[in-house]
N, C-alpha and C. Protein backbone atom coordinates (compact mmCIF):
# COMPACT_ATOMS: atom_id res chain seq x y z
N MET A 1 9.27 -12.60 15.53
CA MET A 1 7.68 -11.68 15.97
C MET A 1 8.18 -10.08 14.90
N LEU A 2 7.08 -10.06 14.16
CA LEU A 2 7.58 -8.68 13.86
C LEU A 2 7.58 -7.41 14.58
N ARG A 3 8.19 -6.47 14.88
CA ARG A 3 8.52 -5.66 16.23
C ARG A 3 7.28 -3.83 15.64
N ARG A 4 7.08 -3.60 16.76
CA ARG A 4 6.86 -2.63 16.34
C ARG A 4 7.60 -1.36 16.50
N THR A 5 7.43 -0.01 15.49
CA THR A 5 8.07 0.54 15.60
C THR A 5 7.66 2.26 15.38
N ARG A 6 7.82 3.17 15.99
CA ARG A 6 7.74 4.74 14.85
C ARG A 6 5.72 4.96 15.60
N THR A 7 6.09 5.90 15.92
CA THR A 7 4.73 6.47 15.59
C THR A 7 4.10 6.51 14.47
N GLY A 8 3.22 5.74 14.26
CA GLY A 8 2.73 6.90 12.85
C GLY A 8 0.96 7.28 12.58
N TYR A 9 -0.24 7.77 12.52
CA TYR A 9 -0.60 8.45 12.45
C TYR A 9 -1.63 8.63 14.12
N ARG A 10 -2.47 9.56 13.32
CA ARG A 10 -2.50 9.93 14.95
C ARG A 10 -2.49 9.35 17.41
N GLY A 11 -0.75 9.39 16.35
CA GLY A 11 -0.49 8.97 17.32
C GLY A 11 -0.22 8.23 17.48
N LYS A 12 -0.96 6.14 16.40
CA LYS A 12 -0.92 4.72 16.85
C LYS A 12 -0.01 4.69 15.94
N ALA A 13 1.39 3.29 17.29
CA ALA A 13 1.61 2.88 16.91
C ALA A 13 1.87 1.74 15.84
N LEU A 14 2.28 1.29 14.58
CA LEU A 14 2.24 1.29 13.51
C LEU A 14 1.85 0.14 13.73
N GLY A 15 1.69 -1.87 14.12
CA GLY A 15 1.90 -2.75 14.18
C GLY A 15 0.89 -3.77 14.24
N ILE A 16 0.44 -4.32 15.27
CA ILE A 16 -0.06 -5.77 14.67
C ILE A 16 0.09 -6.47 16.31
N PRO A 17 -0.38 -7.45 16.97
CA PRO A 17 -0.36 -7.25 18.00
C PRO A 17 0.67 -8.76 17.49
N ASP A 18 1.07 -8.45 19.41
CA ASP A 18 2.64 -9.09 19.63
C ASP A 18 1.74 -10.74 19.18
N GLY A 19 3.34 -11.57 17.84
CA GLY A 19 3.15 -13.08 17.94
C GLY A 19 2.02 -13.66 16.89
N MET A 20 1.75 -12.27 15.96
CA MET A 20 0.94 -13.20 14.80
C MET A 20 2.25 -13.01 13.94
N LEU A 21 2.76 -12.19 13.90
CA LEU A 21 3.94 -13.47 12.77
C LEU A 21 5.38 -13.65 13.42
N PRO A 22 5.70 -15.09 13.68
CA PRO A 22 6.62 -15.27 13.86
C PRO A 22 7.96 -15.12 13.27
N HIS A 23 8.36 -14.37 12.96
CA HIS A 23 9.57 -14.09 12.11
C HIS A 23 10.74 -13.16 12.91
N PRO A 24 11.00 -13.70 13.18
CA PRO A 24 12.63 -12.46 14.09
C PRO A 24 13.19 -11.30 12.87
N GLY A 25 13.56 -10.46 13.86
CA GLY A 25 14.21 -8.98 12.57
C GLY A 25 13.00 -8.71 11.67
N LYS A 26 11.92 -8.61 11.83
CA LYS A 26 10.16 -7.46 10.40
C LYS A 26 10.13 -6.66 11.87
N LEU A 27 9.32 -5.29 10.83
CA LEU A 27 9.55 -4.36 11.49
C LEU A 27 8.56 -3.88 10.84
N LEU A 28 7.85 -3.05 11.13
CA LEU A 28 6.36 -2.81 9.98
C LEU A 28 6.30 -1.59 10.72
N ARG A 29 5.99 -0.74 9.66
CA ARG A 29 6.77 0.54 10.46
C ARG A 29 6.31 1.16 9.16
N ALA A 30 5.96 2.83 9.23
CA ALA A 30 6.07 3.45 7.87
C ALA A 30 6.79 4.24 7.76
N ALA A 31 6.91 4.60 5.72
CA ALA A 31 7.68 4.62 4.97
C ALA A 31 8.10 6.30 5.59
N THR A 32 9.04 6.61 5.61
CA THR A 32 9.74 7.90 4.76
C THR A 32 10.22 8.30 4.48
N ILE A 33 10.53 9.41 4.15
CA ILE A 33 11.10 9.97 2.81
C ILE A 33 12.36 9.50 2.34
N ASP A 34 13.04 8.92 3.19
CA ASP A 34 14.26 7.80 2.59
C ASP A 34 14.44 6.67 2.10
N ASP A 35 13.25 6.08 2.31
CA ASP A 35 13.05 4.75 1.42
C ASP A 35 12.53 5.32 -0.03
N SER A 36 12.69 6.90 -0.19
CA SER A 36 11.66 7.01 -2.25
C SER A 36 12.52 5.53 -3.00
N GLY A 37 14.32 5.38 -2.71
CA GLY A 37 14.54 4.51 -3.54
C GLY A 37 14.16 3.12 -3.72
N GLN A 38 14.05 2.80 -1.89
CA GLN A 38 13.67 0.91 -2.06
C GLN A 38 12.27 1.44 -2.92
N PHE A 39 11.64 2.13 -2.26
CA PHE A 39 9.70 2.08 -3.41
C PHE A 39 10.11 1.96 -4.89
N LEU A 40 10.67 3.03 -5.22
CA LEU A 40 11.38 2.74 -6.64
C LEU A 40 10.97 1.34 -6.91
N ARG A 41 12.37 0.68 -6.94
CA ARG A 41 12.31 -0.40 -6.69
C ARG A 41 11.90 -1.29 -6.75
N LEU A 42 11.52 -1.51 -5.50
CA LEU A 42 10.77 -2.10 -5.77
C LEU A 42 9.54 -2.92 -6.83
N TRP A 43 8.71 -0.92 -6.79
CA TRP A 43 7.92 -0.87 -7.66
C TRP A 43 7.82 -1.42 -9.56
N ASP A 44 9.84 -0.85 -9.59
CA ASP A 44 10.51 -1.66 -10.99
C ASP A 44 10.08 -2.83 -10.66
N LEU A 45 10.59 -4.19 -10.46
CA LEU A 45 10.51 -5.20 -9.55
C LEU A 45 8.52 -6.04 -9.56
N LEU A 46 7.48 -4.80 -9.47
CA LEU A 46 6.00 -4.96 -9.49
C LEU A 46 5.12 -4.90 -10.91
N PHE A 47 5.80 -4.06 -11.16
CA PHE A 47 5.02 -3.18 -13.70
C PHE A 47 5.94 -4.19 -13.77
N ASP A 48 7.70 -4.19 -13.78
CA ASP A 48 8.11 -5.20 -14.81
C ASP A 48 8.86 -6.21 -14.66
N GLU A 49 8.62 -7.32 -13.98
CA GLU A 49 9.63 -8.20 -13.95
C GLU A 49 11.18 -8.32 -14.65
N ALA A 50 10.85 -7.90 -15.89
CA ALA A 50 12.47 -8.11 -17.06
C ALA A 50 13.25 -7.49 -16.23
N GLY A 51 12.38 -6.02 -15.74
CA GLY A 51 13.86 -5.17 -16.26
C GLY A 51 14.07 -3.57 -16.57
N SER A 52 12.59 -3.39 -17.50
CA SER A 52 12.77 -2.47 -18.67
C SER A 52 12.02 -1.48 -18.33
N ALA A 53 11.63 -1.46 -17.03
CA ALA A 53 10.55 -0.22 -15.96
C ALA A 53 11.50 0.06 -15.20
N ALA A 54 13.15 -0.86 -14.98
CA ALA A 54 13.96 0.90 -14.49
C ALA A 54 14.22 1.76 -15.10
N HIS A 55 14.13 1.44 -16.77
CA HIS A 55 14.37 2.74 -18.23
C HIS A 55 13.50 3.66 -18.20
N GLN A 56 12.33 3.48 -17.62
CA GLN A 56 11.04 4.24 -17.83
C GLN A 56 11.38 6.20 -17.24
N PRO A 57 9.41 6.91 -18.40
CA PRO A 57 10.31 8.00 -17.39
C PRO A 57 9.21 7.90 -16.27
N TRP A 58 8.08 7.45 -16.38
CA TRP A 58 7.14 7.76 -14.86
C TRP A 58 8.29 7.32 -13.62
N ARG A 59 9.36 6.77 -13.78
CA ARG A 59 9.42 6.34 -12.11
C ARG A 59 10.70 8.03 -11.75
N ASP A 60 11.25 9.26 -12.63
CA ASP A 60 11.29 10.55 -11.91
C ASP A 60 9.50 11.00 -11.48
N HIS A 61 7.94 11.01 -11.56
CA HIS A 61 6.93 10.81 -11.67
C HIS A 61 7.13 10.54 -10.42
N ALA A 62 7.32 9.46 -10.20
CA ALA A 62 6.79 8.68 -9.08
C ALA A 62 7.48 9.16 -8.06
N GLN A 63 8.96 9.05 -7.40
CA GLN A 63 10.01 9.00 -6.86
C GLN A 63 9.50 10.97 -6.74
N ALA A 64 8.50 11.87 -7.92
CA ALA A 64 8.49 13.46 -7.36
C ALA A 64 6.88 13.16 -6.37
N TRP A 65 6.51 11.93 -7.14
CA TRP A 65 5.52 12.03 -5.76
C TRP A 65 5.54 11.10 -4.28
N PHE A 66 5.86 10.58 -4.78
CA PHE A 66 6.43 9.49 -2.65
C PHE A 66 6.70 10.59 -1.89
N LYS A 67 7.42 11.11 -2.57
CA LYS A 67 8.51 12.80 -1.86
C LYS A 67 7.53 13.35 -1.46
N ARG A 68 6.32 13.88 -1.71
CA ARG A 68 5.65 14.98 -1.53
C ARG A 68 4.41 14.66 -0.86
N THR A 69 3.71 13.49 -0.72
CA THR A 69 3.07 12.72 -0.04
C THR A 69 3.60 12.02 1.24
N VAL A 70 4.14 10.93 0.88
CA VAL A 70 5.32 10.30 2.23
C VAL A 70 5.01 10.82 3.37
N GLY A 71 5.07 12.26 3.70
CA GLY A 71 4.91 12.36 4.96
C GLY A 71 2.93 12.66 5.26
N ASP A 72 1.86 13.00 4.52
CA ASP A 72 1.31 13.65 4.47
C ASP A 72 0.50 12.81 4.75
N SER A 73 -0.38 12.79 6.33
CA SER A 73 -0.69 11.42 6.60
C SER A 73 -2.09 11.61 6.44
N ARG A 74 -2.55 11.94 5.75
CA ARG A 74 -4.23 12.23 6.03
C ARG A 74 -4.51 12.92 4.61
N SER A 75 -3.81 11.80 3.47
CA SER A 75 -4.22 11.68 2.29
C SER A 75 -3.32 10.33 1.66
N ALA A 76 -2.10 9.96 2.39
CA ALA A 76 -1.78 8.53 2.48
C ALA A 76 -1.09 7.95 3.36
N HIS A 77 -1.05 6.86 2.83
CA HIS A 77 -0.67 6.02 3.77
C HIS A 77 0.80 4.59 3.34
N PHE A 78 1.71 4.64 3.98
CA PHE A 78 2.46 3.83 2.94
C PHE A 78 3.65 3.13 4.80
N PRO A 79 2.35 2.11 4.46
CA PRO A 79 2.91 1.11 5.58
C PRO A 79 4.56 0.08 4.67
N VAL A 80 5.15 -0.62 5.72
CA VAL A 80 6.65 -1.23 5.19
C VAL A 80 6.50 -2.12 5.99
N VAL A 81 7.07 -3.34 5.55
CA VAL A 81 8.51 -4.13 6.17
C VAL A 81 8.97 -4.61 6.19
N GLU A 82 10.00 -3.71 7.04
CA GLU A 82 12.00 -3.84 6.40
C GLU A 82 12.22 -5.09 7.06
N SER A 83 13.35 -6.04 6.56
CA SER A 83 14.27 -7.01 7.57
C SER A 83 15.87 -6.19 6.81
N GLY A 84 16.34 -6.35 8.07
CA GLY A 84 17.39 -6.46 7.74
C GLY A 84 17.73 -4.63 7.37
N GLY A 85 17.24 -3.73 7.15
CA GLY A 85 16.88 -2.46 6.58
C GLY A 85 16.95 -2.93 5.42
N ALA A 86 15.99 -3.56 5.27
CA ALA A 86 15.57 -3.42 3.84
C ALA A 86 14.60 -2.99 4.16
N VAL A 87 13.48 -2.56 3.16
CA VAL A 87 12.42 -2.52 2.44
C VAL A 87 11.81 -3.84 1.87
N VAL A 88 11.32 -5.14 2.40
CA VAL A 88 11.17 -6.15 1.08
C VAL A 88 8.88 -6.55 1.25
N ALA A 89 8.31 -5.86 2.02
CA ALA A 89 6.84 -5.06 1.07
C ALA A 89 6.53 -4.11 1.48
N THR A 90 5.61 -3.38 1.36
CA THR A 90 4.46 -3.00 1.00
C THR A 90 3.62 -2.44 0.70
N ALA A 91 2.41 -1.43 0.30
CA ALA A 91 1.24 -1.44 0.51
C ALA A 91 1.07 0.02 0.60
N ILE A 92 0.22 0.42 -0.07
CA ILE A 92 -0.26 2.33 -0.47
C ILE A 92 -1.64 2.11 0.16
N GLY A 93 -1.97 3.01 0.62
CA GLY A 93 -3.95 3.83 0.22
C GLY A 93 -3.20 5.25 0.33
N THR A 94 -4.41 5.76 -0.53
CA THR A 94 -4.50 7.08 -1.11
C THR A 94 -5.65 7.32 -1.27
N LEU A 95 -5.85 8.72 -0.33
CA LEU A 95 -7.52 9.74 -0.27
C LEU A 95 -7.75 9.69 -1.74
N GLU A 96 -8.55 9.58 -1.69
CA GLU A 96 -9.69 10.13 -3.13
C GLU A 96 -11.25 10.57 -2.50
N VAL A 97 -11.18 11.68 -2.60
CA VAL A 97 -12.37 13.31 -2.16
C VAL A 97 -12.75 13.41 -3.58
N GLY A 98 -14.17 12.60 -4.08
CA GLY A 98 -14.68 12.72 -4.90
C GLY A 98 -16.62 12.77 -4.41
N VAL A 99 -17.80 13.01 -5.14
CA VAL A 99 -18.54 13.84 -5.02
C VAL A 99 -19.76 12.13 -4.63
N PRO A 100 -19.82 13.47 -3.11
CA PRO A 100 -20.83 11.39 -2.20
C PRO A 100 -22.29 11.00 -3.42
N ASP A 101 -22.54 9.99 -2.78
CA ASP A 101 -23.57 9.09 -3.52
C ASP A 101 -23.74 8.14 -2.97
N PRO A 102 -25.02 6.62 -2.48
CA PRO A 102 -25.67 6.18 -2.17
C PRO A 102 -24.27 5.21 -1.68
N PHE A 103 -23.34 5.15 -2.87
CA PHE A 103 -22.54 3.74 -2.83
C PHE A 103 -21.36 4.69 -1.18
N CYS A 104 -20.83 6.11 -0.71
CA CYS A 104 -20.16 6.56 -0.98
C CYS A 104 -20.41 8.06 -0.17
N PRO A 105 -21.58 7.53 0.89
CA PRO A 105 -22.33 9.50 1.09
C PRO A 105 -21.26 9.71 1.41
N ARG A 106 -20.32 10.05 1.86
CA ARG A 106 -19.11 11.15 1.89
C ARG A 106 -18.54 11.79 0.71
N GLY A 107 -18.74 10.26 -0.02
CA GLY A 107 -17.50 10.68 -0.86
C GLY A 107 -15.54 10.68 -0.79
N ARG A 108 -15.14 9.61 0.70
CA ARG A 108 -14.09 9.44 0.65
C ARG A 108 -13.69 7.74 -0.32
N THR A 109 -12.92 7.94 -0.76
CA THR A 109 -12.62 6.68 -1.30
C THR A 109 -11.16 6.54 -1.02
N VAL A 110 -10.32 5.04 0.02
CA VAL A 110 -9.38 4.88 -0.05
C VAL A 110 -8.92 4.35 -1.27
N ARG A 111 -8.25 4.01 -1.59
CA ARG A 111 -7.75 3.82 -3.20
C ARG A 111 -6.24 2.38 -2.50
N LEU A 112 -6.32 1.44 -2.36
CA LEU A 112 -5.13 0.70 -1.80
C LEU A 112 -4.37 0.40 -3.35
N VAL A 113 -3.37 0.57 -3.91
CA VAL A 113 -2.07 0.14 -4.23
C VAL A 113 -1.18 -0.55 -3.54
N ASN A 114 -0.51 -0.36 -5.40
CA ASN A 114 1.25 -1.40 -4.87
C ASN A 114 0.83 -2.07 -4.13
N VAL A 115 -0.30 -3.09 -3.41
CA VAL A 115 0.76 -4.81 -2.96
C VAL A 115 1.93 -4.67 -3.12
N PHE A 116 2.63 -6.03 -2.40
CA PHE A 116 4.43 -5.82 -3.02
C PHE A 116 4.53 -7.07 -1.61
N THR A 117 5.31 -7.79 -2.10
CA THR A 117 6.50 -8.31 -1.09
C THR A 117 7.49 -9.50 -2.02
N LEU A 118 8.69 -8.95 -1.85
CA LEU A 118 9.57 -9.91 -2.80
C LEU A 118 9.55 -11.23 -2.84
N PRO A 119 9.45 -11.43 -3.77
CA PRO A 119 8.98 -13.07 -3.73
C PRO A 119 9.60 -13.93 -2.90
N GLN A 120 10.65 -13.17 -2.35
CA GLN A 120 11.80 -14.29 -1.20
C GLN A 120 11.64 -14.23 0.22
N HIS A 121 10.62 -13.26 0.05
CA HIS A 121 9.31 -13.16 1.36
C HIS A 121 7.93 -12.93 1.81
N ARG A 122 8.12 -13.60 0.50
CA ARG A 122 6.41 -14.00 0.28
C ARG A 122 5.60 -15.40 1.31
N SER A 123 5.04 -15.90 2.30
CA SER A 123 4.05 -16.26 2.41
C SER A 123 4.46 -16.03 3.64
N LYS A 124 4.46 -14.90 3.71
CA LYS A 124 4.72 -14.80 5.25
C LYS A 124 3.47 -14.22 6.60
N GLY A 125 2.55 -13.36 5.42
CA GLY A 125 1.39 -12.36 6.23
C GLY A 125 1.55 -11.15 5.43
N TYR A 126 2.59 -11.07 5.01
CA TYR A 126 2.99 -9.91 4.94
C TYR A 126 1.64 -8.92 4.16
N ALA A 127 2.01 -9.07 3.33
CA ALA A 127 0.72 -8.47 2.65
C ALA A 127 -0.38 -7.83 3.25
N SER A 128 -1.37 -9.89 3.35
CA SER A 128 -2.33 -9.47 4.54
C SER A 128 -1.68 -8.18 5.74
N THR A 129 -0.93 -8.39 6.38
CA THR A 129 -1.11 -7.28 7.50
C THR A 129 -0.90 -6.14 6.68
N LEU A 130 0.38 -5.08 5.79
CA LEU A 130 0.09 -3.44 4.75
C LEU A 130 -1.56 -3.64 4.49
N VAL A 131 -2.21 -5.12 4.14
CA VAL A 131 -3.26 -4.36 3.58
C VAL A 131 -4.70 -4.15 5.17
N ARG A 132 -4.28 -4.58 6.24
CA ARG A 132 -5.08 -4.65 7.69
C ARG A 132 -4.71 -3.50 7.90
N GLU A 133 -2.73 -2.48 7.83
CA GLU A 133 -2.69 -1.58 8.51
C GLU A 133 -3.61 -0.44 7.48
N VAL A 134 -3.06 -0.56 5.64
CA VAL A 134 -4.75 0.50 5.45
C VAL A 134 -6.08 0.66 5.72
N ILE A 135 -6.54 -0.21 5.61
CA ILE A 135 -7.98 -0.49 6.46
C ILE A 135 -8.12 0.11 7.15
N GLU A 136 -6.42 0.01 8.62
CA GLU A 136 -7.11 0.39 9.82
C GLU A 136 -7.26 1.96 8.97
N TRP A 137 -5.95 2.43 8.45
CA TRP A 137 -5.39 3.80 8.45
C TRP A 137 -6.60 4.79 7.62
N ALA A 138 -7.11 4.02 6.89
CA ALA A 138 -8.32 4.42 5.97
C ALA A 138 -9.86 4.45 6.81
N ARG A 139 -9.70 4.34 8.65
CA ARG A 139 -11.49 4.06 9.61
C ARG A 139 -11.15 5.52 10.06
N THR A 140 -9.05 6.07 10.76
CA THR A 140 -9.39 7.02 10.54
C THR A 140 -8.22 8.15 10.27
N VAL A 141 -9.25 8.67 8.73
CA VAL A 141 -9.43 9.65 7.78
C VAL A 141 -10.71 9.70 7.17
N ASP A 142 -11.38 8.27 7.57
CA ASP A 142 -13.60 8.79 7.60
C ASP A 142 -13.75 8.77 6.47
N ALA A 143 -12.93 7.39 5.78
CA ALA A 143 -13.33 6.92 4.38
C ALA A 143 -14.09 6.48 4.42
N ASP A 144 -15.41 6.02 3.80
CA ASP A 144 -16.42 5.55 3.25
C ASP A 144 -16.01 3.71 2.72
N ARG A 145 -15.14 3.86 2.04
CA ARG A 145 -15.20 1.80 1.92
C ARG A 145 -13.34 2.41 1.21
N VAL A 146 -12.29 0.75 0.73
CA VAL A 146 -11.39 0.74 0.08
C VAL A 146 -11.67 -0.27 -1.24
N ASP A 147 -11.23 0.83 -1.30
CA ASP A 147 -11.07 0.08 -3.48
C ASP A 147 -10.11 -0.66 -4.12
N LEU A 148 -10.14 -1.41 -5.33
CA LEU A 148 -8.52 -2.02 -5.20
C LEU A 148 -8.93 -2.34 -6.01
N ILE A 149 -7.24 -2.86 -7.65
CA ILE A 149 -8.32 -3.59 -8.26
C ILE A 149 -7.30 -4.86 -7.99
N ALA A 150 -8.03 -6.34 -8.01
CA ALA A 150 -6.99 -6.90 -7.71
C ALA A 150 -6.78 -8.21 -9.02
N THR A 151 -4.58 -8.51 -8.47
CA THR A 151 -4.71 -9.27 -9.56
C THR A 151 -4.80 -10.94 -8.93
N PRO A 152 -5.00 -11.62 -9.65
CA PRO A 152 -5.62 -13.46 -9.57
C PRO A 152 -4.39 -13.96 -8.59
N GLN A 153 -3.57 -13.49 -7.96
CA GLN A 153 -3.05 -14.23 -7.53
C GLN A 153 -3.22 -13.37 -5.64
N GLY A 154 -3.08 -12.04 -5.92
CA GLY A 154 -3.76 -10.91 -4.32
C GLY A 154 -4.96 -10.37 -4.39
N GLN A 155 -6.01 -11.63 -5.14
CA GLN A 155 -7.89 -11.52 -4.56
C GLN A 155 -8.37 -12.98 -3.37
N PRO A 156 -7.62 -13.35 -3.63
CA PRO A 156 -7.61 -14.34 -2.48
C PRO A 156 -6.97 -13.91 -0.89
N ILE A 157 -6.75 -12.52 -0.67
CA ILE A 157 -5.55 -11.73 0.02
C ILE A 157 -6.59 -11.21 0.75
N TYR A 158 -7.32 -10.25 0.18
CA TYR A 158 -7.97 -9.07 -0.54
C TYR A 158 -9.28 -10.17 -0.04
N GLU A 159 -9.80 -11.77 0.16
CA GLU A 159 -11.11 -11.67 -0.01
C GLU A 159 -11.49 -12.04 2.56
N ARG A 160 -9.85 -12.15 2.04
CA ARG A 160 -9.64 -12.90 3.63
C ARG A 160 -9.74 -11.32 4.38
N ALA A 161 -9.67 -10.38 3.50
CA ALA A 161 -10.16 -8.60 3.76
C ALA A 161 -11.22 -8.15 4.29
N GLY A 162 -12.05 -8.94 3.58
CA GLY A 162 -13.68 -8.82 3.80
C GLY A 162 -13.56 -8.09 2.15
N PHE A 163 -12.78 -8.10 1.28
CA PHE A 163 -13.25 -7.44 0.12
C PHE A 163 -13.72 -8.84 -0.89
N VAL A 164 -15.27 -7.82 -1.80
CA VAL A 164 -15.91 -9.09 -2.62
C VAL A 164 -15.88 -7.45 -4.02
N LEU A 165 -15.99 -9.21 -5.05
CA LEU A 165 -15.82 -8.12 -5.86
C LEU A 165 -17.57 -7.73 -6.29
N THR A 166 -17.02 -6.29 -7.97
CA THR A 166 -18.49 -5.52 -7.39
C THR A 166 -18.91 -6.14 -9.74
N SER A 167 -20.33 -5.26 -9.77
CA SER A 167 -20.65 -5.45 -10.35
C SER A 167 -20.06 -4.61 -11.42
N ALA A 168 -19.09 -3.16 -11.27
CA ALA A 168 -19.21 -2.29 -11.84
C ALA A 168 -17.62 -2.53 -12.71
N PRO A 169 -17.78 -2.06 -14.24
CA PRO A 169 -16.91 -2.73 -15.36
C PRO A 169 -16.45 -2.16 -14.47
N ARG A 170 -14.81 -2.48 -14.98
CA ARG A 170 -13.62 -0.99 -14.49
C ARG A 170 -13.04 -0.45 -16.61
N MET A 171 -13.23 0.73 -16.45
CA MET A 171 -12.35 1.37 -18.44
C MET A 171 -12.00 2.44 -17.75
N LYS A 172 -11.07 2.99 -18.91
CA LYS A 172 -10.06 3.69 -18.03
C LYS A 172 -9.91 5.16 -20.38
N LEU A 173 -9.47 5.51 -19.59
CA LEU A 173 -8.88 6.17 -20.79
C LEU A 173 -6.99 7.07 -21.03
N VAL A 174 -6.30 6.57 -21.44
CA VAL A 174 -5.00 6.84 -21.25
C VAL A 174 -5.03 8.52 -22.22
N LEU A 175 -4.54 9.34 -21.43
CA LEU A 175 -4.93 10.99 -22.26
C LEU A 175 -3.45 11.08 -23.16
N SER A 176 -2.51 10.40 -21.75
CA SER A 176 -0.52 11.10 -22.29
C SER A 176 -0.31 9.20 -22.79
N PRO A 177 1.22 9.77 -23.79
CA PRO A 177 1.40 8.28 -23.90
C PRO A 177 2.58 7.60 -22.76
N PRO A 178 2.65 6.95 -22.67
CA PRO A 178 3.14 5.80 -21.72
C PRO A 178 5.16 6.70 -21.61
């Protein structure tokens, strides 16, 4: 069973109802600054399963950002699933405040990113649990919506959580070399 621990945003205990995930020894909790090394390891796997991402300059920026942001529950939320003292699944929600519009009346959007579960821990509902946890946090920070970019593997998880495809095309302009 996934155990609950620690206090999260606004004093709410992180976790899911008892009995929802029958996996002994697993723990749902909020990440701490001490998890930065484990997050980088997971992000390496997420972005490049061949392993070359581990030597890229983005890692220093990511680690500094994580350490600055992990303790600020009003702007970001980092739920993790832990097994045997190691983080085995994670997701991140970040609050973006922009111009209010008809689709986002308060201008508050949570961006759901980096939903990742180690391959040997997949198909146990961890990603779905983490997505629900970020959605619940988004409600506590008065977000209008939660946006994400789905991979084909992740799309069914997000659809089950209520996400729908939009007609807006995604575009980007890279301002600095990777």
